[in-house]
Amino acid sequence: FQQSIDDLAAAFANENIDIVVGPEARGFAVGAPVAYKLRAGF
């Protein structure tokens, strides 16, 4: 789980993401930790 979040976040780390959007419901489980890693809102 940690590696998957790290890999998704790393793929977009240089994109200056302001917000990560996650569709209900499994998008919450993946999107929120990616947002945290990118220091973006969710």
PDB file of all heavy atoms in Angstrom:
ATOM      1  N   PHE A   1       0.835  -1.196   0.000  1.00  0.00           N
ATOM      2  CA  PHE A   1       0.000   0.000   0.000  1.00  0.00           C
ATOM      3  C   PHE A   1       0.873   1.250   0.000  1.00  0.00           C
ATOM      4  O   PHE A   1       0.682   2.165  -0.801  1.00  0.00           O
ATOM      5  CB  PHE A   1      -0.941  -0.033   1.203  1.00  0.00           C
ATOM      6  CG  PHE A   1      -1.872   1.147   1.296  1.00  0.00           C
ATOM      7  CD1 PHE A   1      -2.509   1.666   0.190  1.00  0.00           C
ATOM      8  CD2 PHE A   1      -2.128   1.731   2.529  1.00  0.00           C
ATOM      9  CE1 PHE A   1      -3.382   2.742   0.281  1.00  0.00           C
ATOM     10  CE2 PHE A   1      -2.994   2.805   2.636  1.00  0.00           C
ATOM     11  CZ  PHE A   1      -3.618   3.321   1.511  1.00  0.00           C
ATOM     12  N   GLN A   2       1.874   1.267   0.887  1.00  0.00           N
ATOM     13  CA  GLN A   2       2.761   2.422   0.957  1.00  0.00           C
ATOM     14  C   GLN A   2       3.493   2.621  -0.366  1.00  0.00           C
ATOM     15  O   GLN A   2       3.590   3.748  -0.871  1.00  0.00           O
ATOM     16  CB  GLN A   2       3.765   2.257   2.095  1.00  0.00           C
ATOM     17  CG  GLN A   2       4.682   3.454   2.225  1.00  0.00           C
ATOM     18  CD  GLN A   2       5.643   3.345   3.399  1.00  0.00           C
ATOM     19  OE1 GLN A   2       5.762   2.304   4.039  1.00  0.00           O
ATOM     20  NE2 GLN A   2       6.326   4.426   3.692  1.00  0.00           N
ATOM     21  N   GLN A   3       3.966   1.544  -0.959  1.00  0.00           N
ATOM     22  CA  GLN A   3       4.698   1.648  -2.223  1.00  0.00           C
ATOM     23  C   GLN A   3       3.794   2.157  -3.340  1.00  0.00           C
ATOM     24  O   GLN A   3       4.214   2.962  -4.171  1.00  0.00           O
ATOM     25  CB  GLN A   3       5.315   0.302  -2.611  1.00  0.00           C
ATOM     26  CG  GLN A   3       6.241   0.381  -3.807  1.00  0.00           C
ATOM     27  CD  GLN A   3       7.466   1.234  -3.523  1.00  0.00           C
ATOM     28  OE1 GLN A   3       8.172   1.010  -2.556  1.00  0.00           O
ATOM     29  NE2 GLN A   3       7.710   2.231  -4.369  1.00  0.00           N
ATOM     30  N   SER A   4       2.541   1.696  -3.359  1.00  0.00           N
ATOM     31  CA  SER A   4       1.623   2.153  -4.415  1.00  0.00           C
ATOM     32  C   SER A   4       1.351   3.651  -4.285  1.00  0.00           C
ATOM     33  O   SER A   4       1.323   4.367  -5.299  1.00  0.00           O
ATOM     34  CB  SER A   4       0.315   1.358  -4.383  1.00  0.00           C
ATOM     35  OG  SER A   4      -0.457   1.643  -3.233  1.00  0.00           O
ATOM     36  N   ILE A   5       1.180   4.134  -3.075  1.00  0.00           N
ATOM     37  CA  ILE A   5       0.957   5.566  -2.860  1.00  0.00           C
ATOM     38  C   ILE A   5       2.216   6.345  -3.241  1.00  0.00           C
ATOM     39  O   ILE A   5       2.147   7.372  -3.928  1.00  0.00           O
ATOM     40  CB  ILE A   5       0.547   5.852  -1.397  1.00  0.00           C
ATOM     41  CG1 ILE A   5      -0.768   5.138  -1.067  1.00  0.00           C
ATOM     42  CG2 ILE A   5       0.472   7.348  -1.124  1.00  0.00           C
ATOM     43  CD1 ILE A   5      -1.928   5.431  -1.989  1.00  0.00           C
ATOM     44  N   ASP A   6       3.363   5.856  -2.810  1.00  0.00           N
ATOM     45  CA  ASP A   6       4.628   6.509  -3.155  1.00  0.00           C
ATOM     46  C   ASP A   6       4.827   6.567  -4.672  1.00  0.00           C
ATOM     47  O   ASP A   6       5.250   7.597  -5.215  1.00  0.00           O
ATOM     48  CB  ASP A   6       5.816   5.783  -2.515  1.00  0.00           C
ATOM     49  CG  ASP A   6       5.897   5.985  -1.011  1.00  0.00           C
ATOM     50  OD1 ASP A   6       5.176   6.847  -0.461  1.00  0.00           O
ATOM     51  OD2 ASP A   6       6.686   5.254  -0.372  1.00  0.00           O
ATOM     52  N   ASP A   7       4.501   5.474  -5.375  1.00  0.00           N
ATOM     53  CA  ASP A   7       4.701   5.426  -6.822  1.00  0.00           C
ATOM     54  C   ASP A   7       3.761   6.380  -7.554  1.00  0.00           C
ATOM     55  O   ASP A   7       4.176   7.065  -8.496  1.00  0.00           O
ATOM     56  CB  ASP A   7       4.528   4.002  -7.346  1.00  0.00           C
ATOM     57  CG  ASP A   7       5.696   3.096  -6.983  1.00  0.00           C
ATOM     58  OD1 ASP A   7       6.739   3.591  -6.502  1.00  0.00           O
ATOM     59  OD2 ASP A   7       5.551   1.865  -7.176  1.00  0.00           O
ATOM     60  N   LEU A   8       2.502   6.419  -7.141  1.00  0.00           N
ATOM     61  CA  LEU A   8       1.566   7.350  -7.783  1.00  0.00           C
ATOM     62  C   LEU A   8       1.969   8.799  -7.516  1.00  0.00           C
ATOM     63  O   LEU A   8       1.966   9.627  -8.428  1.00  0.00           O
ATOM     64  CB  LEU A   8       0.133   7.095  -7.315  1.00  0.00           C
ATOM     65  CG  LEU A   8      -0.544   5.854  -7.894  1.00  0.00           C
ATOM     66  CD1 LEU A   8      -1.900   5.628  -7.219  1.00  0.00           C
ATOM     67  CD2 LEU A   8      -0.706   5.969  -9.400  1.00  0.00           C
ATOM     68  N   ALA A   9       2.331   9.096  -6.275  1.00  0.00           N
ATOM     69  CA  ALA A   9       2.740  10.465  -5.939  1.00  0.00           C
ATOM     70  C   ALA A   9       4.011  10.850  -6.694  1.00  0.00           C
ATOM     71  O   ALA A   9       4.114  11.964  -7.231  1.00  0.00           O
ATOM     72  CB  ALA A   9       2.940  10.606  -4.437  1.00  0.00           C
ATOM     73  N   ALA A  10       4.978   9.950  -6.773  1.00  0.00           N
ATOM     74  CA  ALA A  10       6.240  10.242  -7.463  1.00  0.00           C
ATOM     75  C   ALA A  10       6.010  10.543  -8.944  1.00  0.00           C
ATOM     76  O   ALA A  10       6.695  11.384  -9.523  1.00  0.00           O
ATOM     77  CB  ALA A  10       7.215   9.078  -7.306  1.00  0.00           C
ATOM     78  N   ALA A  11       5.038   9.869  -9.541  1.00  0.00           N
ATOM     79  CA  ALA A  11       4.768  10.070 -10.966  1.00  0.00           C
ATOM     80  C   ALA A  11       4.295  11.494 -11.269  1.00  0.00           C
ATOM     81  O   ALA A  11       4.468  11.974 -12.392  1.00  0.00           O
ATOM     82  CB  ALA A  11       3.722   9.063 -11.446  1.00  0.00           C
ATOM     83  N   PHE A  12       3.728  12.167 -10.261  1.00  0.00           N
ATOM     84  CA  PHE A  12       3.207  13.517 -10.467  1.00  0.00           C
ATOM     85  C   PHE A  12       3.889  14.557  -9.571  1.00  0.00           C
ATOM     86  O   PHE A  12       3.412  15.676  -9.445  1.00  0.00           O
ATOM     87  CB  PHE A  12       1.693  13.522 -10.237  1.00  0.00           C
ATOM     88  CG  PHE A  12       0.945  12.700 -11.252  1.00  0.00           C
ATOM     89  CD1 PHE A  12       0.609  11.379 -10.995  1.00  0.00           C
ATOM     90  CD2 PHE A  12       0.601  13.242 -12.481  1.00  0.00           C
ATOM     91  CE1 PHE A  12      -0.066  10.624 -11.938  1.00  0.00           C
ATOM     92  CE2 PHE A  12      -0.076  12.491 -13.432  1.00  0.00           C
ATOM     93  CZ  PHE A  12      -0.409  11.178 -13.160  1.00  0.00           C
ATOM     94  N   ALA A  13       5.011  14.178  -8.980  1.00  0.00           N
ATOM     95  CA  ALA A  13       5.685  15.044  -8.003  1.00  0.00           C
ATOM     96  C   ALA A  13       6.128  16.381  -8.584  1.00  0.00           C
ATOM     97  O   ALA A  13       6.191  17.374  -7.854  1.00  0.00           O
ATOM     98  CB  ALA A  13       6.883  14.316  -7.398  1.00  0.00           C
ATOM     99  N   ASN A  14       6.419  16.451  -9.845  1.00  0.00           N
ATOM    100  CA  ASN A  14       6.910  17.687 -10.461  1.00  0.00           C
ATOM    101  C   ASN A  14       5.826  18.464 -11.201  1.00  0.00           C
ATOM    102  O   ASN A  14       6.134  19.346 -12.004  1.00  0.00           O
ATOM    103  CB  ASN A  14       8.066  17.372 -11.415  1.00  0.00           C
ATOM    104  CG  ASN A  14       9.259  16.807 -10.674  1.00  0.00           C
ATOM    105  OD1 ASN A  14       9.585  17.257  -9.579  1.00  0.00           O
ATOM    106  ND2 ASN A  14       9.891  15.801 -11.248  1.00  0.00           N
ATOM    107  N   GLU A  15       4.566  18.155 -10.935  1.00  0.00           N
ATOM    108  CA  GLU A  15       3.451  18.766 -11.660  1.00  0.00           C
ATOM    109  C   GLU A  15       2.775  19.914 -10.904  1.00  0.00           C
ATOM    110  O   GLU A  15       1.775  20.443 -11.371  1.00  0.00           O
ATOM    111  CB  GLU A  15       2.407  17.696 -12.002  1.00  0.00           C
ATOM    112  CG  GLU A  15       2.911  16.631 -12.937  1.00  0.00           C
ATOM    113  CD  GLU A  15       3.150  17.129 -14.350  1.00  0.00           C
ATOM    114  OE1 GLU A  15       2.594  18.182 -14.725  1.00  0.00           O
ATOM    115  OE2 GLU A  15       3.891  16.469 -15.079  1.00  0.00           O
ATOM    116  N   ASN A  16       3.293  20.280  -9.737  1.00  0.00           N
ATOM    117  CA  ASN A  16       2.707  21.379  -8.947  1.00  0.00           C
ATOM    118  C   ASN A  16       1.209  21.200  -8.730  1.00  0.00           C
ATOM    119  O   ASN A  16       0.410  22.081  -9.029  1.00  0.00           O
ATOM    120  CB  ASN A  16       2.991  22.736  -9.602  1.00  0.00           C
ATOM    121  CG  ASN A  16       4.470  22.999  -9.710  1.00  0.00           C
ATOM    122  OD1 ASN A  16       5.213  22.805  -8.749  1.00  0.00           O
ATOM    123  ND2 ASN A  16       4.918  23.409 -10.882  1.00  0.00           N
ATOM    124  N   ILE A  17       0.839  20.052  -8.208  1.00  0.00           N
ATOM    125  CA  ILE A  17      -0.564  19.714  -7.961  1.00  0.00           C
ATOM    126  C   ILE A  17      -1.079  20.528  -6.776  1.00  0.00           C
ATOM    127  O   ILE A  17      -0.466  20.537  -5.706  1.00  0.00           O
ATOM    128  CB  ILE A  17      -0.717  18.205  -7.660  1.00  0.00           C
ATOM    129  CG1 ILE A  17      -0.126  17.341  -8.781  1.00  0.00           C
ATOM    130  CG2 ILE A  17      -2.174  17.851  -7.363  1.00  0.00           C
ATOM    131  CD1 ILE A  17      -0.765  17.492 -10.118  1.00  0.00           C
ATOM    132  N   ASP A  18      -2.222  21.180  -6.973  1.00  0.00           N
ATOM    133  CA  ASP A  18      -2.876  21.906  -5.883  1.00  0.00           C
ATOM    134  C   ASP A  18      -3.887  21.037  -5.149  1.00  0.00           C
ATOM    135  O   ASP A  18      -4.018  21.103  -3.928  1.00  0.00           O
ATOM    136  CB  ASP A  18      -3.627  23.137  -6.425  1.00  0.00           C
ATOM    137  CG  ASP A  18      -2.700  24.149  -7.062  1.00  0.00           C
ATOM    138  OD1 ASP A  18      -1.733  24.556  -6.395  1.00  0.00           O
ATOM    139  OD2 ASP A  18      -2.944  24.527  -8.231  1.00  0.00           O
ATOM    140  N   ILE A  19      -4.623  20.234  -5.915  1.00  0.00           N
ATOM    141  CA  ILE A  19      -5.721  19.429  -5.372  1.00  0.00           C
ATOM    142  C   ILE A  19      -5.677  18.044  -5.986  1.00  0.00           C
ATOM    143  O   ILE A  19      -5.483  17.897  -7.205  1.00  0.00           O
ATOM    144  CB  ILE A  19      -7.103  20.070  -5.716  1.00  0.00           C
ATOM    145  CG1 ILE A  19      -7.243  21.457  -5.102  1.00  0.00           C
ATOM    146  CG2 ILE A  19      -8.262  19.158  -5.313  1.00  0.00           C
ATOM    147  CD1 ILE A  19      -7.456  21.499  -3.617  1.00  0.00           C
ATOM    148  N   VAL A  20      -5.911  17.035  -5.153  1.00  0.00           N
ATOM    149  CA  VAL A  20      -6.147  15.676  -5.639  1.00  0.00           C
ATOM    150  C   VAL A  20      -7.631  15.407  -5.429  1.00  0.00           C
ATOM    151  O   VAL A  20      -8.177  15.683  -4.371  1.00  0.00           O
ATOM    152  CB  VAL A  20      -5.291  14.632  -4.884  1.00  0.00           C
ATOM    153  CG1 VAL A  20      -5.694  13.215  -5.284  1.00  0.00           C
ATOM    154  CG2 VAL A  20      -3.808  14.866  -5.137  1.00  0.00           C
ATOM    155  N   VAL A  21      -8.270  14.884  -6.466  1.00  0.00           N
ATOM    156  CA  VAL A  21      -9.687  14.553  -6.416  1.00  0.00           C
ATOM    157  C   VAL A  21      -9.820  13.040  -6.470  1.00  0.00           C
ATOM    158  O   VAL A  21      -9.201  12.385  -7.310  1.00  0.00           O
ATOM    159  CB  VAL A  21     -10.435  15.208  -7.599  1.00  0.00           C
ATOM    160  CG1 VAL A  21     -11.840  14.677  -7.713  1.00  0.00           C
ATOM    161  CG2 VAL A  21     -10.450  16.715  -7.440  1.00  0.00           C
ATOM    162  N   GLY A  22     -10.638  12.489  -5.563  1.00  0.00           N
ATOM    163  CA  GLY A  22     -10.882  11.049  -5.531  1.00  0.00           C
ATOM    164  C   GLY A  22     -12.360  10.739  -5.574  1.00  0.00           C
ATOM    165  O   GLY A  22     -13.101  11.181  -4.706  1.00  0.00           O
ATOM    166  N   PRO A  23     -12.814   9.996  -6.604  1.00  0.00           N
ATOM    167  CA  PRO A  23     -14.215   9.605  -6.670  1.00  0.00           C
ATOM    168  C   PRO A  23     -14.570   8.540  -5.629  1.00  0.00           C
ATOM    169  O   PRO A  23     -13.746   7.685  -5.290  1.00  0.00           O
ATOM    170  CB  PRO A  23     -14.374   9.030  -8.076  1.00  0.00           C
ATOM    171  CG  PRO A  23     -13.178   9.491  -8.833  1.00  0.00           C
ATOM    172  CD  PRO A  23     -12.084   9.657  -7.821  1.00  0.00           C
ATOM    173  N   GLU A  24     -15.796   8.599  -5.158  1.00  0.00           N
ATOM    174  CA  GLU A  24     -16.313   7.660  -4.164  1.00  0.00           C
ATOM    175  C   GLU A  24     -16.237   6.246  -4.704  1.00  0.00           C
ATOM    176  O   GLU A  24     -16.517   6.013  -5.873  1.00  0.00           O
ATOM    177  CB  GLU A  24     -17.774   8.029  -3.860  1.00  0.00           C
ATOM    178  CG  GLU A  24     -18.324   7.303  -2.687  1.00  0.00           C
ATOM    179  CD  GLU A  24     -19.661   7.888  -2.215  1.00  0.00           C
ATOM    180  OE1 GLU A  24     -19.856   9.107  -2.242  1.00  0.00           O
ATOM    181  OE2 GLU A  24     -20.499   7.089  -1.828  1.00  0.00           O
ATOM    182  N   ALA A  25     -15.914   5.287  -3.942  1.00  0.00           N
ATOM    183  CA  ALA A  25     -15.420   5.357  -2.584  1.00  0.00           C
ATOM    184  C   ALA A  25     -13.952   4.957  -2.541  1.00  0.00           C
ATOM    185  O   ALA A  25     -13.199   5.446  -1.724  1.00  0.00           O
ATOM    186  CB  ALA A  25     -16.225   4.428  -1.677  1.00  0.00           C
ATOM    187  N   ARG A  26     -13.550   4.078  -3.438  1.00  0.00           N
ATOM    188  CA  ARG A  26     -12.158   3.624  -3.382  1.00  0.00           C
ATOM    189  C   ARG A  26     -11.184   4.720  -3.766  1.00  0.00           C
ATOM    190  O   ARG A  26     -10.014   4.674  -3.383  1.00  0.00           O
ATOM    191  CB  ARG A  26     -11.982   2.361  -4.225  1.00  0.00           C
ATOM    192  CG  ARG A  26     -12.694   1.151  -3.593  1.00  0.00           C
ATOM    193  CD  ARG A  26     -12.550  -0.107  -4.424  1.00  0.00           C
ATOM    194  NE  ARG A  26     -13.141   0.014  -5.734  1.00  0.00           N
ATOM    195  CZ  ARG A  26     -14.385  -0.347  -6.052  1.00  0.00           C
ATOM    196  NH1 ARG A  26     -15.173  -0.843  -5.129  1.00  0.00           N
ATOM    197  NH2 ARG A  26     -14.841  -0.213  -7.268  1.00  0.00           N
ATOM    198  N   GLY A  27     -11.648   5.722  -4.486  1.00  0.00           N
ATOM    199  CA  GLY A  27     -10.797   6.869  -4.792  1.00  0.00           C
ATOM    200  C   GLY A  27     -10.390   7.630  -3.543  1.00  0.00           C
ATOM    201  O   GLY A  27      -9.366   8.312  -3.523  1.00  0.00           O
ATOM    202  N   PHE A  28     -11.194   7.516  -2.471  1.00  0.00           N
ATOM    203  CA  PHE A  28     -10.830   8.145  -1.196  1.00  0.00           C
ATOM    204  C   PHE A  28      -9.616   7.439  -0.598  1.00  0.00           C
ATOM    205  O   PHE A  28      -8.693   8.077  -0.105  1.00  0.00           O
ATOM    206  CB  PHE A  28     -11.958   8.049  -0.166  1.00  0.00           C
ATOM    207  CG  PHE A  28     -13.257   8.709  -0.543  1.00  0.00           C
ATOM    208  CD1 PHE A  28     -14.332   8.613   0.304  1.00  0.00           C
ATOM    209  CD2 PHE A  28     -13.429   9.425  -1.723  1.00  0.00           C
ATOM    210  CE1 PHE A  28     -15.546   9.209   0.000  1.00  0.00           C
ATOM    211  CE2 PHE A  28     -14.634  10.024  -2.039  1.00  0.00           C
ATOM    212  CZ  PHE A  28     -15.699   9.912  -1.169  1.00  0.00           C
ATOM    213  N   ALA A  29      -9.629   6.090  -0.644  1.00  0.00           N
ATOM    214  CA  ALA A  29      -8.569   5.298  -0.021  1.00  0.00           C
ATOM    215  C   ALA A  29      -7.229   5.513  -0.698  1.00  0.00           C
ATOM    216  O   ALA A  29      -6.183   5.419  -0.052  1.00  0.00           O
ATOM    217  CB  ALA A  29      -8.934   3.810  -0.046  1.00  0.00           C
ATOM    218  N   VAL A  30      -7.242   5.810  -1.988  1.00  0.00           N
ATOM    219  CA  VAL A  30      -6.009   6.006  -2.737  1.00  0.00           C
ATOM    220  C   VAL A  30      -5.683   7.491  -2.867  1.00  0.00           C
ATOM    221  O   VAL A  30      -4.538   7.908  -2.701  1.00  0.00           O
ATOM    222  CB  VAL A  30      -6.116   5.345  -4.134  1.00  0.00           C
ATOM    223  CG1 VAL A  30      -4.805   5.476  -4.895  1.00  0.00           C
ATOM    224  CG2 VAL A  30      -6.513   3.886  -4.006  1.00  0.00           C
ATOM    225  N   GLY A  31      -6.682   8.299  -3.151  1.00  0.00           N
ATOM    226  CA  GLY A  31      -6.458   9.715  -3.418  1.00  0.00           C
ATOM    227  C   GLY A  31      -5.991  10.517  -2.225  1.00  0.00           C
ATOM    228  O   GLY A  31      -5.099  11.367  -2.352  1.00  0.00           O
ATOM    229  N   ALA A  32      -6.594  10.283  -1.059  1.00  0.00           N
ATOM    230  CA  ALA A  32      -6.222  11.071   0.123  1.00  0.00           C
ATOM    231  C   ALA A  32      -4.743  10.892   0.494  1.00  0.00           C
ATOM    232  O   ALA A  32      -4.048  11.889   0.720  1.00  0.00           O
ATOM    233  CB  ALA A  32      -7.141  10.750   1.296  1.00  0.00           C
ATOM    234  N   PRO A  33      -4.215   9.663   0.544  1.00  0.00           N
ATOM    235  CA  PRO A  33      -2.789   9.556   0.864  1.00  0.00           C
ATOM    236  C   PRO A  33      -1.870  10.095  -0.229  1.00  0.00           C
ATOM    237  O   PRO A  33      -0.785  10.600   0.066  1.00  0.00           O
ATOM    238  CB  PRO A  33      -2.565   8.062   1.107  1.00  0.00           C
ATOM    239  CG  PRO A  33      -3.770   7.365   0.639  1.00  0.00           C
ATOM    240  CD  PRO A  33      -4.876   8.353   0.546  1.00  0.00           C
ATOM    241  N   VAL A  34      -2.294  10.040  -1.488  1.00  0.00           N
ATOM    242  CA  VAL A  34      -1.492  10.648  -2.556  1.00  0.00           C
ATOM    243  C   VAL A  34      -1.453  12.162  -2.357  1.00  0.00           C
ATOM    244  O   VAL A  34      -0.402  12.794  -2.484  1.00  0.00           O
ATOM    245  CB  VAL A  34      -2.025  10.269  -3.957  1.00  0.00           C
ATOM    246  CG1 VAL A  34      -1.369  11.117  -5.043  1.00  0.00           C
ATOM    247  CG2 VAL A  34      -1.788   8.791  -4.232  1.00  0.00           C
ATOM    248  N   ALA A  35      -2.605  12.746  -2.021  1.00  0.00           N
ATOM    249  CA  ALA A  35      -2.654  14.190  -1.748  1.00  0.00           C
ATOM    250  C   ALA A  35      -1.709  14.552  -0.610  1.00  0.00           C
ATOM    251  O   ALA A  35      -0.966  15.534  -0.688  1.00  0.00           O
ATOM    252  CB  ALA A  35      -4.083  14.619  -1.414  1.00  0.00           C
ATOM    253  N   TYR A  36      -1.730  13.763   0.439  1.00  0.00           N
ATOM    254  CA  TYR A  36      -0.845  13.997   1.588  1.00  0.00           C
ATOM    255  C   TYR A  36       0.618  13.995   1.148  1.00  0.00           C
ATOM    256  O   TYR A  36       1.389  14.885   1.494  1.00  0.00           O
ATOM    257  CB  TYR A  36      -1.105  12.928   2.649  1.00  0.00           C
ATOM    258  CG  TYR A  36      -0.180  13.000   3.830  1.00  0.00           C
ATOM    259  CD1 TYR A  36      -0.420  13.895   4.872  1.00  0.00           C
ATOM    260  CD2 TYR A  36       0.932  12.176   3.902  1.00  0.00           C
ATOM    261  CE1 TYR A  36       0.440  13.967   5.960  1.00  0.00           C
ATOM    262  CE2 TYR A  36       1.791  12.241   4.984  1.00  0.00           C
ATOM    263  CZ  TYR A  36       1.545  13.141   6.005  1.00  0.00           C
ATOM    264  OH  TYR A  36       2.403  13.207   7.080  1.00  0.00           O
ATOM    265  N   LYS A  37       0.982  12.984   0.342  1.00  0.00           N
ATOM    266  CA  LYS A  37       2.365  12.880  -0.137  1.00  0.00           C
ATOM    267  C   LYS A  37       2.761  14.083  -0.996  1.00  0.00           C
ATOM    268  O   LYS A  37       3.901  14.526  -0.952  1.00  0.00           O
ATOM    269  CB  LYS A  37       2.534  11.647  -1.007  1.00  0.00           C
ATOM    270  CG  LYS A  37       2.944  10.348  -0.409  1.00  0.00           C
ATOM    271  CD  LYS A  37       4.133  10.389   0.437  1.00  0.00           C
ATOM    272  CE  LYS A  37       5.324   9.791  -0.224  1.00  0.00           C
ATOM    273  NZ  LYS A  37       6.416   9.555   0.693  1.00  0.00           N
ATOM    274  N   LEU A  38       1.805  14.585  -1.784  1.00  0.00           N
ATOM    275  CA  LEU A  38       2.087  15.708  -2.680  1.00  0.00           C
ATOM    276  C   LEU A  38       1.918  17.060  -1.991  1.00  0.00           C
ATOM    277  O   LEU A  38       2.112  18.100  -2.628  1.00  0.00           O
ATOM    278  CB  LEU A  38       1.164  15.640  -3.905  1.00  0.00           C
ATOM    279  CG  LEU A  38       1.412  14.477  -4.857  1.00  0.00           C
ATOM    280  CD1 LEU A  38       0.327  14.434  -5.936  1.00  0.00           C
ATOM    281  CD2 LEU A  38       2.790  14.558  -5.486  1.00  0.00           C
ATOM    282  N   ARG A  39       1.541  17.038  -0.701  1.00  0.00           N
ATOM    283  CA  ARG A  39       1.268  18.273   0.045  1.00  0.00           C
ATOM    284  C   ARG A  39       0.184  19.098  -0.648  1.00  0.00           C
ATOM    285  O   ARG A  39       0.248  20.325  -0.715  1.00  0.00           O
ATOM    286  CB  ARG A  39       2.533  19.090   0.254  1.00  0.00           C
ATOM    287  CG  ARG A  39       3.571  18.381   1.091  1.00  0.00           C
ATOM    288  CD  ARG A  39       4.792  19.251   1.311  1.00  0.00           C
ATOM    289  NE  ARG A  39       5.746  18.587   2.168  1.00  0.00           N
ATOM    290  CZ  ARG A  39       5.791  18.709   3.496  1.00  0.00           C
ATOM    291  NH1 ARG A  39       4.928  19.456   4.119  1.00  0.00           N
ATOM    292  NH2 ARG A  39       6.710  18.077   4.196  1.00  0.00           N
ATOM    293  N   ALA A  40      -0.796  18.380  -1.169  1.00  0.00           N
ATOM    294  CA  ALA A  40      -1.919  18.997  -1.869  1.00  0.00           C
ATOM    295  C   ALA A  40      -3.184  18.796  -1.039  1.00  0.00           C
ATOM    296  O   ALA A  40      -3.233  17.959  -0.137  1.00  0.00           O
ATOM    297  CB  ALA A  40      -2.087  18.346  -3.243  1.00  0.00           C
ATOM    298  N   GLY A  41      -4.211  19.546  -1.372  1.00  0.00           N
ATOM    299  CA  GLY A  41      -5.511  19.326  -0.760  1.00  0.00           C
ATOM    300  C   GLY A  41      -6.171  18.103  -1.376  1.00  0.00           C
ATOM    301  O   GLY A  41      -5.761  17.614  -2.428  1.00  0.00           O
ATOM    302  N   PHE A  42      -7.204  17.620  -0.699  1.00  0.00           N
ATOM    303  CA  PHE A  42      -7.969  16.479  -1.207  1.00  0.00           C
ATOM    304  C   PHE A  42      -9.444  16.853  -1.279  1.00  0.00           C
ATOM    305  O   PHE A  42      -9.988  17.440  -0.337  1.00  0.00           O
ATOM    306  CB  PHE A  42      -7.808  15.245  -0.318  1.00  0.00           C
ATOM    307  CG  PHE A  42      -8.645  14.086  -0.785  1.00  0.00           C
ATOM    308  CD1 PHE A  42      -8.255  13.342  -1.890  1.00  0.00           C
ATOM    309  CD2 PHE A  42      -9.832  13.764  -0.152  1.00  0.00           C
ATOM    310  CE1 PHE A  42      -9.037  12.294  -2.357  1.00  0.00           C
ATOM    311  CE2 PHE A  42     -10.612  12.711  -0.599  1.00  0.00           C
ATOM    312  CZ  PHE A  42     -10.216  11.970  -1.700  1.00  0.00           C
TER     313      PHE A  42
END
